Amino acid sequence: MKFTASSGALLKQLQIISAVISSKVVIPILEYLLFEIEKDKLKIVGTDLEVSIQGTMAVESDDVGKIAVPARLMIDILRTLPEQPITFNINNQNIEQNLGKTHPPHAGKTGGERPNRSLV
């Protein structure tokens, strides 16, 4: 799965959606946000099992797929960047991003590991 997004727009979405993530999670997967790609749309979902927040944004992609990404790590990386397009390439739960800086690939989790919760 591959997509390109604006670093500033993605950071803004992640900061809003990650507000639902508790600092003391009981289930480790709840520290992750679900990224779902459908053509040129990225849907991001975060939950603490009681409340869920969902956001969508436009991206450049022809792929379809989903992966759970570590919320805090992604936000920390995006905060260090100026406004620029970022290309994410996700293969076998490895997330590689073209950031113009050296950031090693980091691991995601399959989207199926996230709990299914209705949005409030």
PDB file of N, CA and C in Angstrom:
ATOM      1  N   MET A   1       0.852  -1.162   0.000  1.00  0.00           N
ATOM      2  CA  MET A   1       0.000   0.000   0.000  1.00  0.00           C
ATOM      3  C   MET A   1       0.900   1.228   0.000  1.00  0.00           C
ATOM      4  N   LYS A   2       0.592   2.165  -0.851  1.00  0.00           N
ATOM      5  CA  LYS A   2       1.399   3.376  -0.975  1.00  0.00           C
ATOM      6  C   LYS A   2       0.478   4.582  -1.094  1.00  0.00           C
ATOM      7  N   PHE A   3       0.835   5.667  -0.367  1.00  0.00           N
ATOM      8  CA  PHE A   3       0.067   6.902  -0.493  1.00  0.00           C
ATOM      9  C   PHE A   3       0.945   8.097  -0.168  1.00  0.00           C
ATOM     10  N   THR A   4       0.548   9.257  -0.679  1.00  0.00           N
ATOM     11  CA  THR A   4       1.254  10.510  -0.437  1.00  0.00           C
ATOM     12  C   THR A   4       0.279  11.492   0.200  1.00  0.00           C
ATOM     13  N   ALA A   5       0.745  12.153   1.278  1.00  0.00           N
ATOM     14  CA  ALA A   5      -0.098  13.097   2.008  1.00  0.00           C
ATOM     15  C   ALA A   5       0.718  14.313   2.410  1.00  0.00           C
ATOM     16  N   SER A   6       0.049  15.396   2.694  1.00  0.00           N
ATOM     17  CA  SER A   6       0.678  16.605   3.211  1.00  0.00           C
ATOM     18  C   SER A   6       1.058  16.363   4.672  1.00  0.00           C
ATOM     19  N   SER A   7       2.299  16.677   5.038  1.00  0.00           N
ATOM     20  CA  SER A   7       2.750  16.441   6.418  1.00  0.00           C
ATOM     21  C   SER A   7       1.944  17.273   7.410  1.00  0.00           C
ATOM     22  N   GLY A   8       1.655  18.516   7.078  1.00  0.00           N
ATOM     23  CA  GLY A   8       0.901  19.393   7.977  1.00  0.00           C
ATOM     24  C   GLY A   8      -0.531  18.933   8.168  1.00  0.00           C
ATOM     25  N   ALA A   9      -1.190  18.560   7.083  1.00  0.00           N
ATOM     26  CA  ALA A   9      -2.581  18.098   7.169  1.00  0.00           C
ATOM     27  C   ALA A   9      -2.670  16.783   7.938  1.00  0.00           C
ATOM     28  N   LEU A  10      -1.720  15.890   7.699  1.00  0.00           N
ATOM     29  CA  LEU A  10      -1.714  14.610   8.402  1.00  0.00           C
ATOM     30  C   LEU A  10      -1.455  14.822   9.894  1.00  0.00           C
ATOM     31  N   LEU A  11      -0.504  15.671  10.234  1.00  0.00           N
ATOM     32  CA  LEU A  11      -0.208  15.959  11.639  1.00  0.00           C
ATOM     33  C   LEU A  11      -1.442  16.510  12.343  1.00  0.00           C
ATOM     34  N   LYS A  12      -2.147  17.421  11.705  1.00  0.00           N
ATOM     35  CA  LYS A  12      -3.344  18.018  12.302  1.00  0.00           C
ATOM     36  C   LYS A  12      -4.392  16.947  12.584  1.00  0.00           C
ATOM     37  N   GLN A  13      -4.631  16.065  11.619  1.00  0.00           N
ATOM     38  CA  GLN A  13      -5.596  14.980  11.810  1.00  0.00           C
ATOM     39  C   GLN A  13      -5.164  14.055  12.950  1.00  0.00           C
ATOM     40  N   LEU A  14      -3.879  13.685  12.971  1.00  0.00           N
ATOM     41  CA  LEU A  14      -3.394  12.770  14.000  1.00  0.00           C
ATOM     42  C   LEU A  14      -3.496  13.375  15.395  1.00  0.00           C
ATOM     43  N   GLN A  15      -3.209  14.660  15.524  1.00  0.00           N
ATOM     44  CA  GLN A  15      -3.298  15.309  16.832  1.00  0.00           C
ATOM     45  C   GLN A  15      -4.737  15.324  17.349  1.00  0.00           C
ATOM     46  N   ILE A  16      -5.689  15.550  16.470  1.00  0.00           N
ATOM     47  CA  ILE A  16      -7.097  15.557  16.872  1.00  0.00           C
ATOM     48  C   ILE A  16      -7.553  14.157  17.268  1.00  0.00           C
ATOM     49  N   ILE A  17      -7.265  13.189  16.414  1.00  0.00           N
ATOM     50  CA  ILE A  17      -7.751  11.827  16.623  1.00  0.00           C
ATOM     51  C   ILE A  17      -7.041  11.145  17.789  1.00  0.00           C
ATOM     52  N   SER A  18      -5.760  11.431  17.989  1.00  0.00           N
ATOM     53  CA  SER A  18      -5.019  10.776  19.068  1.00  0.00           C
ATOM     54  C   SER A  18      -5.437  11.264  20.450  1.00  0.00           C
ATOM     55  N   ALA A  19      -6.247  12.308  20.523  1.00  0.00           N
ATOM     56  CA  ALA A  19      -6.731  12.797  21.819  1.00  0.00           C
ATOM     57  C   ALA A  19      -7.528  11.721  22.554  1.00  0.00           C
ATOM     58  N   VAL A  20      -8.071  10.766  21.828  1.00  0.00           N
ATOM     59  CA  VAL A  20      -8.859   9.699  22.439  1.00  0.00           C
ATOM     60  C   VAL A  20      -7.965   8.625  23.076  1.00  0.00           C
ATOM     61  N   ILE A  21      -6.685   8.607  22.752  1.00  0.00           N
ATOM     62  CA  ILE A  21      -5.780   7.580  23.263  1.00  0.00           C
ATOM     63  C   ILE A  21      -5.387   7.916  24.696  1.00  0.00           C
ATOM     64  N   SER A  22      -5.627   6.988  25.584  1.00  0.00           N
ATOM     65  CA  SER A  22      -5.311   7.169  26.996  1.00  0.00           C
ATOM     66  C   SER A  22      -3.815   6.992  27.232  1.00  0.00           C
ATOM     67  N   SER A  23      -3.299   7.649  28.250  1.00  0.00           N
ATOM     68  CA  SER A  23      -1.878   7.487  28.575  1.00  0.00           C
ATOM     69  C   SER A  23      -1.623   6.146  29.262  1.00  0.00           C
ATOM     70  N   LYS A  24      -2.670   5.543  29.792  1.00  0.00           N
ATOM     71  CA  LYS A  24      -2.550   4.236  30.452  1.00  0.00           C
ATOM     72  C   LYS A  24      -3.465   3.245  29.745  1.00  0.00           C
ATOM     73  N   VAL A  25      -2.982   2.682  28.643  1.00  0.00           N
ATOM     74  CA  VAL A  25      -3.806   1.749  27.879  1.00  0.00           C
ATOM     75  C   VAL A  25      -3.709   0.348  28.471  1.00  0.00           C
ATOM     76  N   VAL A  26      -4.822  -0.352  28.425  1.00  0.00           N
ATOM     77  CA  VAL A  26      -4.882  -1.720  28.927  1.00  0.00           C
ATOM     78  C   VAL A  26      -4.493  -2.702  27.822  1.00  0.00           C
ATOM     79  N   ILE A  27      -4.888  -2.367  26.605  1.00  0.00           N
ATOM     80  CA  ILE A  27      -4.613  -3.215  25.451  1.00  0.00           C
ATOM     81  C   ILE A  27      -3.639  -2.449  24.550  1.00  0.00           C
ATOM     82  N   PRO A  28      -2.427  -2.974  24.312  1.00  0.00           N
ATOM     83  CA  PRO A  28      -1.418  -2.229  23.560  1.00  0.00           C
ATOM     84  C   PRO A  28      -1.854  -1.718  22.183  1.00  0.00           C
ATOM     85  N   ILE A  29      -2.725  -2.424  21.486  1.00  0.00           N
ATOM     86  CA  ILE A  29      -3.138  -1.988  20.140  1.00  0.00           C
ATOM     87  C   ILE A  29      -3.891  -0.657  20.201  1.00  0.00           C
ATOM     88  N   LEU A  30      -4.398  -0.277  21.368  1.00  0.00           N
ATOM     89  CA  LEU A  30      -5.117   0.988  21.491  1.00  0.00           C
ATOM     90  C   LEU A  30      -4.188   2.191  21.415  1.00  0.00           C
ATOM     91  N   GLU A  31      -2.868   1.964  21.435  1.00  0.00           N
ATOM     92  CA  GLU A  31      -1.899   3.039  21.226  1.00  0.00           C
ATOM     93  C   GLU A  31      -1.701   3.324  19.741  1.00  0.00           C
ATOM     94  N   TYR A  32      -2.370   2.568  18.902  1.00  0.00           N
ATOM     95  CA  TYR A  32      -2.251   2.681  17.450  1.00  0.00           C
ATOM     96  C   TYR A  32      -3.494   3.327  16.862  1.00  0.00           C
ATOM     97  N   LEU A  33      -3.311   3.976  15.712  1.00  0.00           N
ATOM     98  CA  LEU A  33      -4.422   4.515  14.936  1.00  0.00           C
ATOM     99  C   LEU A  33      -4.593   3.659  13.697  1.00  0.00           C
ATOM    100  N   LEU A  34      -5.814   3.428  13.306  1.00  0.00           N
ATOM    101  CA  LEU A  34      -6.098   2.650  12.104  1.00  0.00           C
ATOM    102  C   LEU A  34      -6.089   3.574  10.896  1.00  0.00           C
ATOM    103  N   PHE A  35      -5.229   3.286   9.923  1.00  0.00           N
ATOM    104  CA  PHE A  35      -5.205   3.991   8.640  1.00  0.00           C
ATOM    105  C   PHE A  35      -5.887   3.089   7.624  1.00  0.00           C
ATOM    106  N   GLU A  36      -6.933   3.580   6.976  1.00  0.00           N
ATOM    107  CA  GLU A  36      -7.606   2.852   5.896  1.00  0.00           C
ATOM    108  C   GLU A  36      -7.537   3.690   4.635  1.00  0.00           C
ATOM    109  N   ILE A  37      -6.969   3.119   3.586  1.00  0.00           N
ATOM    110  CA  ILE A  37      -6.854   3.805   2.300  1.00  0.00           C
ATOM    111  C   ILE A  37      -7.897   3.243   1.345  1.00  0.00           C
ATOM    112  N   GLU A  38      -8.628   4.132   0.719  1.00  0.00           N
ATOM    113  CA  GLU A  38      -9.546   3.769  -0.361  1.00  0.00           C
ATOM    114  C   GLU A  38      -9.348   4.783  -1.468  1.00  0.00           C
ATOM    115  N   LYS A  39      -8.583   4.388  -2.464  1.00  0.00           N
ATOM    116  CA  LYS A  39      -8.227   5.274  -3.580  1.00  0.00           C
ATOM    117  C   LYS A  39      -7.593   6.553  -3.052  1.00  0.00           C
ATOM    118  N   ASP A  40      -8.223   7.703  -3.249  1.00  0.00           N
ATOM    119  CA  ASP A  40      -7.623   8.987  -2.863  1.00  0.00           C
ATOM    120  C   ASP A  40      -8.125   9.497  -1.509  1.00  0.00           C
ATOM    121  N   LYS A  41      -8.522   8.585  -0.621  1.00  0.00           N
ATOM    122  CA  LYS A  41      -9.042   8.984   0.683  1.00  0.00           C
ATOM    123  C   LYS A  41      -8.374   8.160   1.782  1.00  0.00           C
ATOM    124  N   LEU A  42      -7.914   8.848   2.828  1.00  0.00           N
ATOM    125  CA  LEU A  42      -7.348   8.191   4.000  1.00  0.00           C
ATOM    126  C   LEU A  42      -8.313   8.403   5.159  1.00  0.00           C
ATOM    127  N   LYS A  43      -8.782   7.300   5.737  1.00  0.00           N
ATOM    128  CA  LYS A  43      -9.622   7.361   6.929  1.00  0.00           C
ATOM    129  C   LYS A  43      -8.747   6.962   8.109  1.00  0.00           C
ATOM    130  N   ILE A  44      -8.767   7.775   9.179  1.00  0.00           N
ATOM    131  CA  ILE A  44      -7.964   7.522  10.373  1.00  0.00           C
ATOM    132  C   ILE A  44      -8.932   7.353  11.539  1.00  0.00           C
ATOM    133  N   VAL A  45      -8.758   6.263  12.306  1.00  0.00           N
ATOM    134  CA  VAL A  45      -9.649   5.985  13.428  1.00  0.00           C
ATOM    135  C   VAL A  45      -8.828   5.711  14.678  1.00  0.00           C
ATOM    136  N   GLY A  46      -9.231   6.325  15.781  1.00  0.00           N
ATOM    137  CA  GLY A  46      -8.632   6.063  17.085  1.00  0.00           C
ATOM    138  C   GLY A  46      -9.740   5.750  18.075  1.00  0.00           C
ATOM    139  N   THR A  47      -9.442   4.893  19.059  1.00  0.00           N
ATOM    140  CA  THR A  47     -10.454   4.532  20.054  1.00  0.00           C
ATOM    141  C   THR A  47      -9.805   4.197  21.386  1.00  0.00           C
ATOM    142  N   ASP A  48     -10.588   4.348  22.443  1.00  0.00           N
ATOM    143  CA  ASP A  48     -10.166   3.872  23.763  1.00  0.00           C
ATOM    144  C   ASP A  48     -11.152   2.809  24.250  1.00  0.00           C
ATOM    145  N   LEU A  49     -11.927   2.250  23.362  1.00  0.00           N
ATOM    146  CA  LEU A  49     -12.971   1.241  23.556  1.00  0.00           C
ATOM    147  C   LEU A  49     -14.277   1.833  24.087  1.00  0.00           C
ATOM    148  N   GLU A  50     -14.264   3.061  24.562  1.00  0.00           N
ATOM    149  CA  GLU A  50     -15.504   3.709  24.967  1.00  0.00           C
ATOM    150  C   GLU A  50     -15.893   4.789  23.971  1.00  0.00           C
ATOM    151  N   VAL A  51     -14.894   5.519  23.492  1.00  0.00           N
ATOM    152  CA  VAL A  51     -15.109   6.614  22.539  1.00  0.00           C
ATOM    153  C   VAL A  51     -14.199   6.388  21.346  1.00  0.00           C
ATOM    154  N   SER A  52     -14.715   6.661  20.158  1.00  0.00           N
ATOM    155  CA  SER A  52     -13.915   6.583  18.929  1.00  0.00           C
ATOM    156  C   SER A  52     -13.974   7.916  18.212  1.00  0.00           C
ATOM    157  N   ILE A  53     -12.851   8.286  17.602  1.00  0.00           N
ATOM    158  CA  ILE A  53     -12.803   9.491  16.780  1.00  0.00           C
ATOM    159  C   ILE A  53     -12.311   9.073  15.405  1.00  0.00           C
ATOM    160  N   GLN A  54     -12.967   9.589  14.379  1.00  0.00           N
ATOM    161  CA  GLN A  54     -12.602   9.266  12.998  1.00  0.00           C
ATOM    162  C   GLN A  54     -12.420  10.547  12.211  1.00  0.00           C
ATOM    163  N   GLY A  55     -11.422  10.553  11.348  1.00  0.00           N
ATOM    164  CA  GLY A  55     -11.204  11.673  10.446  1.00  0.00           C
ATOM    165  C   GLY A  55     -10.853  11.149   9.068  1.00  0.00           C
ATOM    166  N   THR A  56     -11.096  11.957   8.058  1.00  0.00           N
ATOM    167  CA  THR A  56     -10.714  11.586   6.695  1.00  0.00           C
ATOM    168  C   THR A  56      -9.965  12.754   6.075  1.00  0.00           C
ATOM    169  N   MET A  57      -9.098  12.418   5.144  1.00  0.00           N
ATOM    170  CA  MET A  57      -8.368  13.446   4.420  1.00  0.00           C
ATOM    171  C   MET A  57      -8.028  12.940   3.034  1.00  0.00           C
ATOM    172  N   ALA A  58      -7.806  13.867   2.134  1.00  0.00           N
ATOM    173  CA  ALA A  58      -7.445  13.525   0.762  1.00  0.00           C
ATOM    174  C   ALA A  58      -5.965  13.163   0.711  1.00  0.00           C
ATOM    175  N   VAL A  59      -5.655  12.122  -0.040  1.00  0.00           N
ATOM    176  CA  VAL A  59      -4.283  11.692  -0.277  1.00  0.00           C
ATOM    177  C   VAL A  59      -4.164  11.300  -1.741  1.00  0.00           C
ATOM    178  N   GLU A  60      -2.940  11.095  -2.182  1.00  0.00           N
ATOM    179  CA  GLU A  60      -2.715  10.584  -3.533  1.00  0.00           C
ATOM    180  C   GLU A  60      -2.408   9.105  -3.409  1.00  0.00           C
ATOM    181  N   SER A  61      -3.305   8.260  -3.938  1.00  0.00           N
ATOM    182  CA  SER A  61      -3.111   6.819  -3.869  1.00  0.00           C
ATOM    183  C   SER A  61      -4.070   6.126  -4.821  1.00  0.00           C
ATOM    184  N   ASP A  62      -3.629   5.013  -5.345  1.00  0.00           N
ATOM    185  CA  ASP A  62      -4.493   4.151  -6.139  1.00  0.00           C
ATOM    186  C   ASP A  62      -4.735   2.834  -5.416  1.00  0.00           C
ATOM    187  N   ASP A  63      -4.221   2.715  -4.193  1.00  0.00           N
ATOM    188  CA  ASP A  63      -4.291   1.474  -3.441  1.00  0.00           C
ATOM    189  C   ASP A  63      -5.492   1.438  -2.508  1.00  0.00           C
ATOM    190  N   VAL A  64      -5.760   0.241  -2.010  1.00  0.00           N
ATOM    191  CA  VAL A  64      -6.779  -0.001  -1.000  1.00  0.00           C
ATOM    192  C   VAL A  64      -6.131  -0.882   0.060  1.00  0.00           C
ATOM    193  N   GLY A  65      -6.330  -0.555   1.322  1.00  0.00           N
ATOM    194  CA  GLY A  65      -5.772  -1.381   2.389  1.00  0.00           C
ATOM    195  C   GLY A  65      -5.883  -0.689   3.721  1.00  0.00           C
ATOM    196  N   LYS A  66      -5.447  -1.402   4.777  1.00  0.00           N
ATOM    197  CA  LYS A  66      -5.465  -0.802   6.100  1.00  0.00           C
ATOM    198  C   LYS A  66      -4.308  -1.320   6.936  1.00  0.00           C
ATOM    199  N   ILE A  67      -3.874  -0.469   7.873  1.00  0.00           N
ATOM    200  CA  ILE A  67      -2.792  -0.815   8.788  1.00  0.00           C
ATOM    201  C   ILE A  67      -2.954   0.026  10.047  1.00  0.00           C
ATOM    202  N   ALA A  68      -2.554  -0.534  11.166  1.00  0.00           N
ATOM    203  CA  ALA A  68      -2.547   0.214  12.426  1.00  0.00           C
ATOM    204  C   ALA A  68      -1.143   0.786  12.615  1.00  0.00           C
ATOM    205  N   VAL A  69      -1.067   2.097  12.864  1.00  0.00           N
ATOM    206  CA  VAL A  69       0.233   2.771  13.009  1.00  0.00           C
ATOM    207  C   VAL A  69       0.371   3.322  14.426  1.00  0.00           C
ATOM    208  N   PRO A  70       1.589   3.298  14.979  1.00  0.00           N
ATOM    209  CA  PRO A  70       1.801   3.818  16.325  1.00  0.00           C
ATOM    210  C   PRO A  70       1.584   5.335  16.358  1.00  0.00           C
ATOM    211  N   ALA A  71       0.583   5.769  17.096  1.00  0.00           N
ATOM    212  CA  ALA A  71       0.166   7.174  17.084  1.00  0.00           C
ATOM    213  C   ALA A  71       1.259   8.120  17.556  1.00  0.00           C
ATOM    214  N   ARG A  72       1.818   7.895  18.719  1.00  0.00           N
ATOM    215  CA  ARG A  72       2.795   8.834  19.291  1.00  0.00           C
ATOM    216  C   ARG A  72       4.051   8.934  18.429  1.00  0.00           C
ATOM    217  N   LEU A  73       4.539   7.803  17.942  1.00  0.00           N
ATOM    218  CA  LEU A  73       5.730   7.811  17.098  1.00  0.00           C
ATOM    219  C   LEU A  73       5.486   8.603  15.817  1.00  0.00           C
ATOM    220  N   MET A  74       4.333   8.387  15.188  1.00  0.00           N
ATOM    221  CA  MET A  74       4.013   9.094  13.948  1.00  0.00           C
ATOM    222  C   MET A  74       3.898  10.592  14.194  1.00  0.00           C
ATOM    223  N   ILE A  75       3.253  10.986  15.282  1.00  0.00           N
ATOM    224  CA  ILE A  75       3.120  12.414  15.601  1.00  0.00           C
ATOM    225  C   ILE A  75       4.480  13.032  15.888  1.00  0.00           C
ATOM    226  N   ASP A  76       5.313  12.333  16.646  1.00  0.00           N
ATOM    227  CA  ASP A  76       6.653  12.853  16.964  1.00  0.00           C
ATOM    228  C   ASP A  76       7.488  13.063  15.703  1.00  0.00           C
ATOM    229  N   ILE A  77       7.411  12.152  14.762  1.00  0.00           N
ATOM    230  CA  ILE A  77       8.155  12.284  13.506  1.00  0.00           C
ATOM    231  C   ILE A  77       7.621  13.467  12.700  1.00  0.00           C
ATOM    232  N   LEU A  78       6.304  13.566  12.571  1.00  0.00           N
ATOM    233  CA  LEU A  78       5.712  14.641  11.769  1.00  0.00           C
ATOM    234  C   LEU A  78       5.979  16.017  12.359  1.00  0.00           C
ATOM    235  N   ARG A  79       6.074  16.119  13.663  1.00  0.00           N
ATOM    236  CA  ARG A  79       6.361  17.413  14.307  1.00  0.00           C
ATOM    237  C   ARG A  79       7.736  17.964  13.927  1.00  0.00           C
ATOM    238  N   THR A  80       8.667  17.097  13.587  1.00  0.00           N
ATOM    239  CA  THR A  80      10.022  17.547  13.253  1.00  0.00           C
ATOM    240  C   THR A  80      10.138  18.033  11.821  1.00  0.00           C
ATOM    241  N   LEU A  81       9.092  17.868  11.031  1.00  0.00           N
ATOM    242  CA  LEU A  81       9.168  18.157   9.600  1.00  0.00           C
ATOM    243  C   LEU A  81       8.527  19.483   9.232  1.00  0.00           C
ATOM    244  N   PRO A  82       9.071  20.135   8.215  1.00  0.00           N
ATOM    245  CA  PRO A  82       8.366  21.292   7.646  1.00  0.00           C
ATOM    246  C   PRO A  82       7.198  20.785   6.804  1.00  0.00           C
ATOM    247  N   GLU A  83       6.337  21.685   6.397  1.00  0.00           N
ATOM    248  CA  GLU A  83       5.221  21.319   5.513  1.00  0.00           C
ATOM    249  C   GLU A  83       5.792  20.788   4.206  1.00  0.00           C
ATOM    250  N   GLN A  84       5.457  19.549   3.881  1.00  0.00           N
ATOM    251  CA  GLN A  84       5.941  18.919   2.654  1.00  0.00           C
ATOM    252  C   GLN A  84       5.105  17.686   2.362  1.00  0.00           C
ATOM    253  N   PRO A  85       5.090  17.242   1.115  1.00  0.00           N
ATOM    254  CA  PRO A  85       4.408  15.976   0.822  1.00  0.00           C
ATOM    255  C   PRO A  85       5.265  14.807   1.328  1.00  0.00           C
ATOM    256  N   ILE A  86       4.608  13.813   1.902  1.00  0.00           N
ATOM    257  CA  ILE A  86       5.291  12.624   2.420  1.00  0.00           C
ATOM    258  C   ILE A  86       4.688  11.410   1.734  1.00  0.00           C
ATOM    259  N   THR A  87       5.548  10.528   1.258  1.00  0.00           N
ATOM    260  CA  THR A  87       5.090   9.287   0.650  1.00  0.00           C
ATOM    261  C   THR A  87       5.315   8.143   1.622  1.00  0.00           C
ATOM    262  N   PHE A  88       4.254   7.410   1.915  1.00  0.00           N
ATOM    263  CA  PHE A  88       4.317   6.240   2.783  1.00  0.00           C
ATOM    264  C   PHE A  88       4.235   4.994   1.917  1.00  0.00           C
ATOM    265  N   ASN A  89       5.100   4.035   2.186  1.00  0.00           N
ATOM    266  CA  ASN A  89       5.078   2.757   1.496  1.00  0.00           C
ATOM    267  C   ASN A  89       4.970   1.687   2.571  1.00  0.00           C
ATOM    268  N   ILE A  90       3.869   0.961   2.579  1.00  0.00           N
ATOM    269  CA  ILE A  90       3.591  -0.010   3.632  1.00  0.00           C
ATOM    270  C   ILE A  90       3.599  -1.408   3.028  1.00  0.00           C
ATOM    271  N   ASN A  91       4.551  -2.226   3.498  1.00  0.00           N
ATOM    272  CA  ASN A  91       4.699  -3.603   3.036  1.00  0.00           C
ATOM    273  C   ASN A  91       4.857  -4.521   4.232  1.00  0.00           C
ATOM    274  N   ASN A  92       4.025  -5.532   4.324  1.00  0.00           N
ATOM    275  CA  ASN A  92       4.156  -6.528   5.386  1.00  0.00           C
ATOM    276  C   ASN A  92       4.331  -5.905   6.761  1.00  0.00           C
ATOM    277  N   GLN A  93       3.538  -4.946   7.106  1.00  0.00           N
ATOM    278  CA  GLN A  93       3.520  -4.272   8.396  1.00  0.00           C
ATOM    279  C   GLN A  93       4.729  -3.372   8.641  1.00  0.00           C
ATOM    280  N   ASN A  94       5.592  -3.172   7.657  1.00  0.00           N
ATOM    281  CA  ASN A  94       6.681  -2.203   7.772  1.00  0.00           C
ATOM    282  C   ASN A  94       6.237  -0.910   7.110  1.00  0.00           C
ATOM    283  N   ILE A  95       6.435   0.193   7.804  1.00  0.00           N
ATOM    284  CA  ILE A  95       6.028   1.493   7.296  1.00  0.00           C
ATOM    285  C   ILE A  95       7.285   2.279   6.959  1.00  0.00           C
ATOM    286  N   GLU A  96       7.470   2.569   5.682  1.00  0.00           N
ATOM    287  CA  GLU A  96       8.589   3.393   5.252  1.00  0.00           C
ATOM    288  C   GLU A  96       8.027   4.707   4.745  1.00  0.00           C
ATOM    289  N   GLN A  97       8.678   5.798   5.121  1.00  0.00           N
ATOM    290  CA  GLN A  97       8.218   7.091   4.667  1.00  0.00           C
ATOM    291  C   GLN A  97       9.376   7.863   4.058  1.00  0.00           C
ATOM    292  N   ASN A  98       9.073   8.567   2.988  1.00  0.00           N
ATOM    293  CA  ASN A  98      10.062   9.401   2.323  1.00  0.00           C
ATOM    294  C   ASN A  98       9.932  10.785   2.935  1.00  0.00           C
ATOM    295  N   LEU A  99      10.821  11.094   3.898  1.00  0.00           N
ATOM    296  CA  LEU A  99      10.688  12.322   4.670  1.00  0.00           C
ATOM    297  C   LEU A  99      11.759  13.356   4.383  1.00  0.00           C
ATOM    298  N   GLY A 100      12.745  13.017   3.607  1.00  0.00           N
ATOM    299  CA  GLY A 100      13.830  13.952   3.379  1.00  0.00           C
ATOM    300  C   GLY A 100      14.796  13.958   4.546  1.00  0.00           C
ATOM    301  N   LYS A 101      14.516  13.197   5.608  1.00  0.00           N
ATOM    302  CA  LYS A 101      15.391  13.032   6.757  1.00  0.00           C
ATOM    303  C   LYS A 101      15.570  11.540   6.975  1.00  0.00           C
ATOM    304  N   THR A 102      16.509  11.193   7.805  1.00  0.00           N
ATOM    305  CA  THR A 102      16.736   9.781   8.079  1.00  0.00           C
ATOM    306  C   THR A 102      15.845   9.330   9.221  1.00  0.00           C
ATOM    307  N   HIS A 103      14.855   8.550   8.896  1.00  0.00           N
ATOM    308  CA  HIS A 103      14.000   7.910   9.885  1.00  0.00           C
ATOM    309  C   HIS A 103      13.891   6.458   9.465  1.00  0.00           C
ATOM    310  N   PRO A 104      14.307   5.534  10.324  1.00  0.00           N
ATOM    311  CA  PRO A 104      14.227   4.126   9.943  1.00  0.00           C
ATOM    312  C   PRO A 104      12.778   3.688   9.799  1.00  0.00           C
ATOM    313  N   PRO A 105      12.535   2.627   9.026  1.00  0.00           N
ATOM    314  CA  PRO A 105      11.173   2.112   8.941  1.00  0.00           C
ATOM    315  C   PRO A 105      10.702   1.686  10.331  1.00  0.00           C
ATOM    316  N   HIS A 106       9.430   1.796  10.593  1.00  0.00           N
ATOM    317  CA  HIS A 106       8.910   1.319  11.858  1.00  0.00           C
ATOM    318  C   HIS A 106       7.768   0.357  11.602  1.00  0.00           C
ATOM    319  N   ALA A 107       7.464  -0.441  12.609  1.00  0.00           N
ATOM    320  CA  ALA A 107       6.485  -1.511  12.437  1.00  0.00           C
ATOM    321  C   ALA A 107       5.077  -1.018  12.713  1.00  0.00           C
ATOM    322  N   GLY A 108       4.175  -1.473  11.900  1.00  0.00           N
ATOM    323  CA  GLY A 108       2.759  -1.268  12.135  1.00  0.00           C
ATOM    324  C   GLY A 108       2.152  -2.599  12.518  1.00  0.00           C
ATOM    325  N   LYS A 109       0.862  -2.649  12.602  1.00  0.00           N
ATOM    326  CA  LYS A 109       0.149  -3.894  12.867  1.00  0.00           C
ATOM    327  C   LYS A 109      -0.950  -4.012  11.829  1.00  0.00           C
ATOM    328  N   THR A 110      -1.374  -5.234  11.577  1.00  0.00           N
ATOM    329  CA  THR A 110      -2.431  -5.404  10.593  1.00  0.00           C
ATOM    330  C   THR A 110      -3.680  -4.698  11.077  1.00  0.00           C
ATOM    331  N   GLY A 111      -4.427  -4.151  10.159  1.00  0.00           N
ATOM    332  CA  GLY A 111      -5.636  -3.425  10.522  1.00  0.00           C
ATOM    333  C   GLY A 111      -6.657  -4.286  11.230  1.00  0.00           C
ATOM    334  N   GLY A 112      -6.609  -5.592  11.019  1.00  0.00           N
ATOM    335  CA  GLY A 112      -7.555  -6.505  11.654  1.00  0.00           C
ATOM    336  C   GLY A 112      -7.335  -6.665  13.145  1.00  0.00           C
ATOM    337  N   GLU A 113      -6.192  -6.221  13.666  1.00  0.00           N
ATOM    338  CA  GLU A 113      -5.911  -6.338  15.090  1.00  0.00           C
ATOM    339  C   GLU A 113      -6.633  -5.273  15.900  1.00  0.00           C
ATOM    340  N   ARG A 114      -7.118  -4.221  15.246  1.00  0.00           N
ATOM    341  CA  ARG A 114      -7.801  -3.135  15.945  1.00  0.00           C
ATOM    342  C   ARG A 114      -9.197  -3.582  16.339  1.00  0.00           C
ATOM    343  N   PRO A 115      -9.678  -3.213  17.525  1.00  0.00           N
ATOM    344  CA  PRO A 115     -11.044  -3.542  17.906  1.00  0.00           C
ATOM    345  C   PRO A 115     -12.040  -2.765  17.056  1.00  0.00           C
ATOM    346  N   ASN A 116     -13.128  -3.383  16.716  1.00  0.00           N
ATOM    347  CA  ASN A 116     -14.184  -2.737  15.945  1.00  0.00           C
ATOM    348  C   ASN A 116     -15.134  -2.059  16.915  1.00  0.00           C
ATOM    349  N   ARG A 117     -15.226  -0.755  16.884  1.00  0.00           N
ATOM    350  CA  ARG A 117     -16.099  -0.013  17.768  1.00  0.00           C
ATOM    351  C   ARG A 117     -16.933   0.933  16.932  1.00  0.00           C
ATOM    352  N   SER A 118     -18.167   1.123  17.359  1.00  0.00           N
ATOM    353  CA  SER A 118     -19.005   2.091  16.655  1.00  0.00           C
ATOM    354  C   SER A 118     -18.553   3.496  17.033  1.00  0.00           C
ATOM    355  N   LEU A 119     -18.681   4.408  16.101  1.00  0.00           N
ATOM    356  CA  LEU A 119     -18.270   5.785  16.339  1.00  0.00           C
ATOM    357  C   LEU A 119     -19.354   6.511  17.113  1.00  0.00           C
ATOM    358  N   VAL A 120     -18.922   7.363  18.031  1.00  0.00           N
ATOM    359  CA  VAL A 120     -19.860   8.121  18.852  1.00  0.00           C
ATOM    360  C   VAL A 120     -19.944   9.520  18.317  1.00  0.00           C
TER     361      VAL A 120
END
